[in-house]
Amino acid sequence: METAFTIQQIAELTGLSIDTLRYYERIGLIEPVHRASSGHRRYRQEDLDWIGLLINLRETGMPLAQMIHFAQLHHQGPVTATERLLLLEHHQHTLEQQMQKLEQHAIALQQKIVRKKASLAQRGIASHASGQSEAEVESIEREAYGTRTHEEKRSVFMQKNDGHVALVTGASSGIGEATAWSLAAHGIRVAVAARRTDRLEALVERIEQAGGEAIALSVDVTDEQQVQMMVHRLQEQWGRLDILVNSAGLMLLGPIAGADTEEWRRMISTNVLGLLYATHAVLPMMQAQGSGHIVNISSLAGRIARAGSGVYNATKWGVGAFSEALRQECARDHIRVTVIEPGIVETDLASHITNIAARENALRRRQNIDPLQSEDIANAIVYAVTQPLHVNVNEILLVPTEQES
C-alpha cells in the first residue's frame, strides 16, 4: 500500500527544506507527485530512496545540470542497482577529470611562484627558501613594492569570480547602477533589473563594452509574479545565482499627519515587499546550490528615526529585522546575508519627494556636506561579497564624515 506523506514530513525525513523540495520538483529532479484530497503529497518508498540518492549526489559536488540528466533517466523507469552504479562511476570519472584540472592548476601556481621569485631576484630582493606558498611570496612582493595597481587587482578578481552571477534590483540609477558596474568590473556576470528598460540597456552596453557580461531584466519589484519571472529568466540564462543585491527603493518623506497614504503603500511595497519577493524567489536556487549571498540596502534611517520620515524609517527598520532573521535561517545553507546602511548619498532619491518642505530639507542637508557617492556604497558591497566564504559581514554602516546625525 502506498504511504501518504505531507511535504513537511518529506522535509523532515530527507533533511531538505520545503522550498528546496518544491524547487527540485519544478526543475525535474523529482517528478510531480499525486495529491490526495486531504492535500497530502503521495510518495512511494522508491521515491524516498531516489531523493536520498539525490542528496548523496549533491554532497559529492555533482553539478545541478548533471543531476537533472540523471533524473531524466530515472523518470523513464526505476533505476536499478546496476544503473545507479553506472551513474556513480560516470560521476567518479567526472571527479577524476576535475582532479586533473586541479593538479594542472597547482602546477601552474608553482610555475607562477618561480616566475615571481625570479622577478624579485632581478629587482634586488633576497631570494626565498623553496617551498614557500604563493601567499608568502605575494606578501613579500607587496611589502617591497606596495599594493597592486587597479588593473592588476581587477585581473585577480576576474579570475576569482569567473562564472559567478549577481542580480541587482533598482539598477537603473544610483546605488544599484554603481553596484552592478562594480560587480561586473570584478568579473561577475550581472543581471540588472528595474522598470526603466532604456537605462538598463544603456548600462548593459557599457558593461559589455568594458569586457563584462550582463543582461537587462525589466521588472516592477512590487509585482510578485514579475519578480518570479525575472528569477526564472535569469536561471534559464545562467543556471545559477551567487549574489542578490536588493537595491530598489523609494524615499517619500513628510509628516505623518495629513500624509498621502498612497505614498506609504508605495514605499512599503517597494522597500519591504519588493525586497521580500526577490529574496523569496531566489532562495530555492541558492539552497539547491548550497551557497549564495543576499545584500539588502537599508539606511541610517533604519537605525535612527527622525520627525518627517516615520514611514520611511519603518520600512528600513523592517529591512534590518528581516535580514537578521533571514541570516539565522539560512546559516546552515551557507547563504550569507549583509545589510548596507548608508547615510546621506548623492542620488536622485530626494527628487521624488512630493512634500515640498521635506524635499527642500533633504536637499539642504545634502548640500551642506560632502555626501557619499553611489560608488562608495558599491565599494562596500564588493567588500562584503568578496570575503572568504566562512566570513559573513552582517552589517556595514557608512556615513559622510561631515554628517552629524
Protein backbone atom coordinates (compact mmCIF):
# COMPACT_ATOMS: atom_id res chain seq x y z
CA MET A 1 0.00 0.00 0.00
CA GLU A 2 1.31 3.42 -0.94
CA THR A 3 2.16 5.59 2.05
CA ALA A 4 1.00 9.22 2.05
CA PHE A 5 3.29 11.93 3.40
CA THR A 6 2.85 15.65 3.79
CA ILE A 7 5.59 17.78 2.31
CA GLN A 8 6.54 18.73 5.87
CA GLN A 9 7.09 15.05 6.67
CA ILE A 10 9.12 14.58 3.50
CA ALA A 11 11.28 17.54 4.50
CA GLU A 12 11.86 16.04 7.95
CA LEU A 13 12.70 12.60 6.54
CA THR A 14 15.15 13.91 3.94
CA GLY A 15 16.58 16.90 5.77
CA LEU A 16 15.74 19.15 2.81
CA SER A 17 13.78 22.37 3.16
CA ILE A 18 10.25 22.58 1.75
CA ASP A 19 11.38 25.27 -0.69
CA THR A 20 14.18 23.00 -1.93
CA LEU A 21 11.78 20.09 -2.46
CA ARG A 22 9.43 22.33 -4.46
CA TYR A 23 12.38 23.70 -6.43
CA TYR A 24 13.53 20.14 -7.22
CA GLU A 25 10.02 19.39 -8.49
CA ARG A 26 9.99 22.47 -10.72
CA ILE A 27 13.32 21.69 -12.40
CA GLY A 28 12.51 18.00 -12.84
CA LEU A 29 14.72 16.33 -10.23
CA ILE A 30 11.58 14.94 -8.61
CA GLU A 31 8.56 14.00 -10.69
CA PRO A 32 5.32 15.86 -9.92
CA VAL A 33 3.58 13.80 -7.24
CA HIS A 34 -0.10 12.96 -6.80
CA ARG A 35 -2.07 14.96 -4.30
CA ALA A 36 -4.76 13.39 -2.17
CA SER A 37 -7.94 15.29 -1.41
CA SER A 38 -6.50 15.90 2.06
CA GLY A 39 -3.62 17.77 0.49
CA HIS A 40 -1.05 15.07 1.21
CA ARG A 41 1.64 14.52 -1.38
CA ARG A 42 1.96 10.82 -2.18
CA TYR A 43 5.45 9.35 -2.31
CA ARG A 44 6.39 5.69 -2.68
CA GLN A 45 9.35 4.16 -0.87
CA GLU A 46 11.39 4.17 -4.07
CA ASP A 47 10.69 7.89 -4.38
CA LEU A 48 12.21 8.45 -0.95
CA ASP A 49 15.19 6.27 -1.94
CA TRP A 50 15.62 8.41 -5.06
CA ILE A 51 15.60 11.64 -3.02
CA GLY A 52 18.23 10.07 -0.77
CA LEU A 53 20.40 9.38 -3.81
CA LEU A 54 19.97 12.99 -4.96
CA ILE A 55 21.16 14.20 -1.56
CA ASN A 56 24.23 11.95 -1.80
CA LEU A 57 25.00 13.20 -5.31
CA ARG A 58 24.61 16.83 -4.18
CA GLU A 59 27.02 16.24 -1.29
CA THR A 60 29.66 14.95 -3.71
CA GLY A 61 29.53 18.27 -5.53
CA MET A 62 27.84 16.99 -8.67
CA PRO A 63 26.72 19.87 -10.92
CA LEU A 64 22.98 20.53 -10.93
CA ALA A 65 22.76 20.04 -14.71
CA GLN A 66 24.20 16.54 -14.39
CA MET A 67 21.79 15.71 -11.57
CA ILE A 68 18.89 16.77 -13.81
CA HIS A 69 20.22 14.47 -16.57
CA PHE A 70 20.27 11.56 -14.13
CA ALA A 71 16.75 12.45 -13.00
CA GLN A 72 15.53 12.28 -16.60
CA LEU A 73 16.92 8.74 -16.84
CA HIS A 74 15.32 7.83 -13.52
CA HIS A 75 11.90 9.12 -14.54
CA GLN A 76 11.92 6.82 -17.58
CA GLY A 77 11.67 3.95 -15.12
CA PRO A 78 13.03 2.83 -11.73
CA VAL A 79 16.81 2.99 -11.60
CA THR A 80 18.27 -0.44 -10.87
CA ALA A 81 21.26 -1.05 -8.65
CA THR A 82 23.40 -1.63 -11.74
CA GLU A 83 22.24 1.61 -13.34
CA ARG A 84 22.96 3.51 -10.15
CA LEU A 85 26.45 2.03 -10.10
CA LEU A 86 26.99 3.17 -13.68
CA LEU A 87 25.76 6.66 -12.81
CA LEU A 88 28.10 6.89 -9.86
CA GLU A 89 31.01 5.54 -11.93
CA HIS A 90 30.29 8.23 -14.51
CA HIS A 91 30.32 10.82 -11.75
CA GLN A 92 33.57 9.34 -10.42
CA HIS A 93 35.07 9.83 -13.88
CA THR A 94 33.90 13.47 -13.79
CA LEU A 95 35.52 13.95 -10.38
CA GLU A 96 38.77 12.46 -11.69
CA GLN A 97 38.72 14.95 -14.57
CA GLN A 98 38.17 17.77 -12.08
CA MET A 99 41.08 16.46 -10.01
CA GLN A 100 43.31 16.51 -13.09
CA LYS A 101 42.33 20.14 -13.66
CA LEU A 102 43.19 20.95 -10.04
CA GLU A 103 46.58 19.27 -10.40
CA GLN A 104 47.23 21.29 -13.57
CA HIS A 105 46.21 24.43 -11.69
CA ALA A 106 48.64 23.55 -8.87
CA ILE A 107 51.46 23.15 -11.39
CA ALA A 108 50.58 26.50 -12.94
CA LEU A 109 50.63 28.13 -9.50
CA GLN A 110 54.03 26.65 -8.72
CA GLN A 111 55.35 27.98 -12.03
CA LYS A 112 53.89 31.38 -11.14
CA ILE A 113 55.75 31.33 -7.82
CA VAL A 114 59.02 30.51 -9.60
CA ARG A 115 58.48 33.41 -12.01
CA LYS A 116 57.74 35.78 -9.12
CA LYS A 117 60.88 34.69 -7.30
CA ALA A 118 62.91 35.33 -10.44
CA SER A 119 61.28 38.75 -10.81
CA LEU A 120 62.07 39.63 -7.20
CA ALA A 121 65.66 38.48 -7.62
CA GLN A 122 66.05 40.69 -10.68
CA ARG A 123 64.81 43.65 -8.62
CA GLY A 124 67.37 43.00 -5.91
CA ILE A 125 65.07 41.35 -3.39
CA ALA A 126 66.61 38.47 -1.46
CA SER A 127 65.76 35.00 -2.76
CA HIS A 128 63.37 32.86 -0.73
CA ALA A 129 63.59 29.36 0.56
CA SER A 130 61.98 26.67 -1.56
CA GLY A 131 58.52 25.51 -0.59
CA GLN A 132 57.12 28.94 0.16
CA SER A 133 53.46 29.40 -0.70
CA GLU A 134 52.21 31.85 -3.30
CA ALA A 135 50.65 33.90 -0.49
CA GLU A 136 54.03 34.22 1.26
CA VAL A 137 55.74 35.31 -1.94
CA GLU A 138 52.98 37.82 -2.69
CA SER A 139 53.23 39.20 0.85
CA ILE A 140 56.93 39.89 0.40
CA GLU A 141 56.28 41.45 -3.01
CA ARG A 142 53.60 43.77 -1.56
CA GLU A 143 55.92 44.90 1.22
CA ALA A 144 58.63 45.67 -1.32
CA TYR A 145 56.54 47.36 -3.97
CA GLY A 146 53.19 48.25 -2.43
CA THR A 147 49.78 47.01 -3.46
CA ARG A 148 48.83 46.01 -6.99
CA THR A 149 47.61 48.53 -9.50
CA HIS A 150 43.89 48.80 -10.20
CA GLU A 151 44.24 46.75 -13.39
CA GLU A 152 46.21 44.02 -11.60
CA LYS A 153 43.58 43.84 -8.86
CA ARG A 154 40.82 43.67 -11.47
CA SER A 155 42.62 40.81 -13.23
CA VAL A 156 42.87 38.84 -9.98
CA PHE A 157 39.18 39.39 -9.16
CA MET A 158 38.21 38.44 -12.71
CA GLN A 159 39.87 35.07 -12.16
CA LYS A 160 38.37 34.53 -8.69
CA ASN A 161 34.82 35.40 -9.70
CA ASP A 162 34.78 33.77 -13.12
CA GLY A 163 31.35 32.20 -13.60
CA HIS A 164 29.69 33.91 -10.65
CA VAL A 165 26.31 35.55 -11.21
CA ALA A 166 24.72 38.56 -9.49
CA LEU A 167 21.23 40.03 -9.68
CA VAL A 168 20.86 43.73 -8.82
CA THR A 169 17.42 45.31 -8.46
CA GLY A 170 16.98 49.06 -8.74
CA ALA A 171 19.89 49.01 -11.18
CA SER A 172 18.72 51.80 -13.48
CA SER A 173 20.32 54.53 -11.34
CA GLY A 174 22.10 55.40 -8.12
CA ILE A 175 23.44 52.70 -5.81
CA GLY A 176 22.02 49.85 -7.88
CA GLU A 177 23.65 51.07 -11.09
CA ALA A 178 27.01 51.67 -9.41
CA THR A 179 26.88 48.26 -7.74
CA ALA A 180 26.12 46.46 -11.00
CA TRP A 181 29.04 48.23 -12.68
CA SER A 182 31.44 47.40 -9.82
CA LEU A 183 30.45 43.73 -9.69
CA ALA A 184 30.85 43.43 -13.46
CA ALA A 185 34.28 45.07 -13.19
CA HIS A 186 35.23 42.29 -10.79
CA GLY A 187 34.42 39.57 -13.30
CA ILE A 188 30.89 38.76 -12.12
CA ARG A 189 28.10 38.27 -14.65
CA VAL A 190 25.36 40.72 -13.75
CA ALA A 191 21.60 40.75 -14.33
CA VAL A 192 20.40 44.33 -13.94
CA ALA A 193 16.73 44.77 -13.04
CA ALA A 194 14.45 47.80 -12.83
CA ARG A 195 11.46 49.39 -14.56
CA ARG A 196 13.38 51.86 -16.76
CA THR A 197 14.40 49.49 -19.54
CA ASP A 198 16.20 52.12 -21.62
CA ARG A 199 18.59 52.90 -18.79
CA LEU A 200 19.18 49.20 -18.13
CA GLU A 201 20.06 48.58 -21.76
CA ALA A 202 22.49 51.51 -21.71
CA LEU A 203 24.14 50.06 -18.60
CA VAL A 204 24.40 46.60 -20.18
CA GLU A 205 26.03 48.14 -23.25
CA ARG A 206 28.60 49.94 -21.08
CA ILE A 207 29.41 46.75 -19.19
CA GLU A 208 29.79 44.73 -22.39
CA GLN A 209 31.98 47.38 -24.00
CA ALA A 210 34.26 47.16 -20.94
CA GLY A 211 34.55 43.39 -21.39
CA GLY A 212 31.92 42.31 -18.87
CA GLU A 213 28.77 40.22 -19.26
CA ALA A 214 25.29 41.47 -18.37
CA ILE A 215 21.59 41.14 -19.20
CA ALA A 216 18.71 43.56 -18.63
CA LEU A 217 15.56 42.38 -16.88
CA SER A 218 12.54 44.68 -16.90
CA VAL A 219 10.66 44.26 -13.62
CA ASP A 220 8.46 46.04 -11.11
CA VAL A 221 9.57 44.50 -7.81
CA THR A 222 6.20 45.29 -6.23
CA ASP A 223 4.64 42.67 -8.55
CA GLU A 224 5.44 39.22 -7.14
CA GLN A 225 4.70 37.41 -10.41
CA GLN A 226 7.08 39.70 -12.32
CA VAL A 227 9.77 39.04 -9.74
CA GLN A 228 9.34 35.28 -10.10
CA MET A 229 9.55 35.56 -13.89
CA MET A 230 12.69 37.68 -13.52
CA VAL A 231 14.42 34.99 -11.49
CA HIS A 232 13.19 32.27 -13.86
CA ARG A 233 14.69 34.09 -16.84
CA LEU A 234 17.99 34.57 -15.02
CA GLN A 235 18.09 30.86 -14.21
CA GLU A 236 17.44 29.98 -17.84
CA GLN A 237 20.24 32.32 -18.92
CA TRP A 238 22.98 31.33 -16.48
CA GLY A 239 21.68 28.42 -14.37
CA ARG A 240 22.80 29.82 -11.02
CA LEU A 241 22.79 32.88 -8.78
CA ASP A 242 25.54 33.75 -6.32
CA ILE A 243 24.64 37.29 -5.26
CA LEU A 244 21.34 39.15 -4.90
CA VAL A 245 21.51 42.89 -4.21
CA ASN A 246 18.12 44.29 -3.20
CA SER A 247 18.67 47.94 -4.10
CA ALA A 248 15.24 49.04 -5.35
CA GLY A 249 13.80 51.67 -3.01
CA LEU A 250 11.75 54.82 -2.51
CA MET A 251 12.14 57.67 -0.03
CA LEU A 252 8.94 59.73 0.15
CA LEU A 253 9.41 61.85 3.26
CA GLY A 254 6.88 64.06 5.01
CA PRO A 255 4.94 64.40 8.27
CA ILE A 256 2.54 61.63 9.27
CA ALA A 257 -0.42 63.94 9.85
CA GLY A 258 -2.12 64.78 6.58
CA ALA A 259 0.11 62.47 4.56
CA ASP A 260 -0.95 60.92 1.26
CA THR A 261 -1.26 57.30 2.41
CA GLU A 262 -0.80 56.07 -1.15
CA GLU A 263 2.83 57.14 -0.78
CA TRP A 264 3.07 54.94 2.31
CA ARG A 265 1.81 51.98 0.31
CA ARG A 266 4.30 52.69 -2.48
CA MET A 267 7.22 52.79 -0.02
CA ILE A 268 6.15 49.64 1.80
CA SER A 269 5.52 47.84 -1.49
CA THR A 270 8.95 48.74 -2.86
CA ASN A 271 11.21 48.92 0.19
CA VAL A 272 9.76 45.93 2.04
CA LEU A 273 7.57 43.72 -0.14
CA GLY A 274 9.77 44.08 -3.23
CA LEU A 275 12.79 43.01 -1.19
CA LEU A 276 10.83 40.10 0.30
CA TYR A 277 9.56 38.93 -3.09
CA ALA A 278 13.04 38.92 -4.63
CA THR A 279 14.56 37.14 -1.65
CA HIS A 280 11.80 34.53 -1.60
CA ALA A 281 12.20 33.90 -5.33
CA VAL A 282 15.97 33.29 -5.24
CA LEU A 283 16.21 31.26 -2.03
CA PRO A 284 15.33 27.85 -3.55
CA MET A 285 18.08 28.24 -6.17
CA MET A 286 20.66 29.26 -3.56
CA GLN A 287 19.59 26.46 -1.23
CA ALA A 288 19.93 23.92 -4.03
CA GLN A 289 23.42 25.28 -4.76
CA GLY A 290 24.35 25.22 -1.10
CA SER A 291 25.64 28.79 -1.31
CA GLY A 292 24.69 32.40 -2.02
CA HIS A 293 24.86 35.96 -0.71
CA ILE A 294 21.92 38.33 -0.22
CA VAL A 295 22.71 42.03 0.22
CA ASN A 296 19.88 44.27 1.39
CA ILE A 297 20.16 48.04 1.11
CA SER A 298 18.78 49.66 4.25
CA SER A 299 19.76 53.10 5.55
CA LEU A 300 20.94 55.05 8.54
CA ALA A 301 17.17 55.68 8.75
CA GLY A 302 16.91 52.02 9.74
CA ARG A 303 18.76 52.88 12.96
CA ILE A 304 17.79 56.48 13.78
CA ALA A 305 14.22 57.81 13.49
CA ARG A 306 13.60 61.44 12.55
CA ALA A 307 10.47 63.57 12.51
CA GLY A 308 9.19 63.72 8.97
CA SER A 309 10.46 60.31 7.91
CA GLY A 310 8.44 57.97 10.13
CA VAL A 311 7.15 55.59 7.45
CA TYR A 312 10.47 55.53 5.63
CA ASN A 313 12.08 54.73 8.98
CA ALA A 314 9.60 51.92 9.48
CA THR A 315 10.44 50.33 6.11
CA LYS A 316 14.17 50.46 6.73
CA TRP A 317 13.91 49.13 10.27
CA GLY A 318 11.89 46.30 8.74
CA VAL A 319 14.71 45.56 6.30
CA GLY A 320 17.17 45.25 9.17
CA ALA A 321 14.93 42.95 11.22
CA PHE A 322 14.09 40.76 8.24
CA SER A 323 17.74 40.49 7.23
CA GLU A 324 18.89 39.27 10.64
CA ALA A 325 16.11 36.67 10.81
CA LEU A 326 16.99 35.58 7.27
CA ARG A 327 20.68 35.26 8.16
CA GLN A 328 19.86 32.96 11.06
CA GLU A 329 17.52 30.81 8.96
CA CYS A 330 19.99 30.46 6.08
CA ALA A 331 23.20 29.93 8.02
CA ARG A 332 23.15 26.14 7.60
CA ASP A 333 22.53 26.53 3.87
CA HIS A 334 25.78 28.55 3.64
CA ILE A 335 23.84 31.59 2.42
CA ARG A 336 25.28 34.86 3.68
CA VAL A 337 23.21 37.97 4.40
CA THR A 338 24.52 41.53 4.62
CA VAL A 339 22.72 44.79 5.41
CA ILE A 340 24.17 48.01 3.98
CA GLU A 341 23.14 51.17 5.87
CA PRO A 342 24.26 54.36 4.13
CA GLY A 343 23.84 57.87 5.43
CA ILE A 344 23.33 60.78 3.01
CA VAL A 345 24.17 59.74 -0.56
CA GLU A 346 24.27 61.79 -3.76
CA THR A 347 21.39 60.09 -5.61
CA ASP A 348 18.06 61.14 -7.11
CA LEU A 349 16.01 59.68 -4.21
CA ALA A 350 15.25 63.10 -2.73
CA SER A 351 13.96 64.43 -6.06
CA HIS A 352 10.97 62.07 -5.82
CA ILE A 353 9.74 63.55 -2.52
CA THR A 354 6.41 65.26 -3.18
CA ASN A 355 6.18 67.18 0.11
CA ILE A 356 7.89 70.48 -0.74
CA ALA A 357 9.19 71.24 2.77
CA ALA A 358 10.52 67.69 3.21
CA ARG A 359 12.21 67.74 -0.21
CA GLU A 360 13.87 71.10 0.42
CA ASN A 361 15.08 69.93 3.83
CA ALA A 362 16.56 66.71 2.36
CA LEU A 363 18.30 68.63 -0.42
CA ARG A 364 19.60 71.25 2.01
CA ARG A 365 21.08 68.60 4.33
CA ARG A 366 22.88 67.06 1.36
CA GLN A 367 24.17 70.41 0.02
CA ASN A 368 25.67 71.39 3.38
CA ILE A 369 28.10 68.45 3.45
CA ASP A 370 30.26 66.36 1.15
CA PRO A 371 27.86 63.39 0.73
CA LEU A 372 28.64 59.79 -0.07
CA GLN A 373 28.63 58.80 -3.72
CA SER A 374 26.90 55.70 -5.10
CA GLU A 375 30.34 54.26 -5.85
CA ASP A 376 31.17 54.39 -2.12
CA ILE A 377 28.23 52.12 -1.39
CA ALA A 378 29.15 49.84 -4.29
CA ASN A 379 32.67 49.51 -2.86
CA ALA A 380 31.22 48.44 0.49
CA ILE A 381 29.06 45.82 -1.21
CA VAL A 382 32.01 44.46 -3.21
CA TYR A 383 33.98 44.25 0.05
CA ALA A 384 31.23 42.21 1.71
CA VAL A 385 30.66 39.76 -1.14
CA THR A 386 34.36 39.10 -1.77
CA GLN A 387 35.16 37.99 1.77
CA PRO A 388 36.14 34.33 2.32
CA LEU A 389 33.10 32.04 2.34
CA HIS A 390 33.36 31.40 6.08
CA VAL A 391 33.03 35.15 6.78
CA ASN A 392 29.61 36.84 6.88
CA VAL A 393 29.70 40.63 7.08
CA ASN A 394 26.38 41.19 8.87
CA GLU A 395 26.15 44.99 8.61
CA ILE A 396 28.01 47.90 7.11
CA LEU A 397 27.02 51.37 8.37
CA LEU A 398 28.72 54.16 6.45
CA VAL A 399 28.05 57.91 6.58
CA PRO A 400 29.72 61.04 5.23
CA THR A 401 32.47 62.29 7.51
CA GLU A 402 30.62 65.60 7.91
CA GLN A 403 27.19 64.09 8.65
CA GLU A 404 26.35 64.65 12.30
CA SER A 405 23.03 62.78 12.52
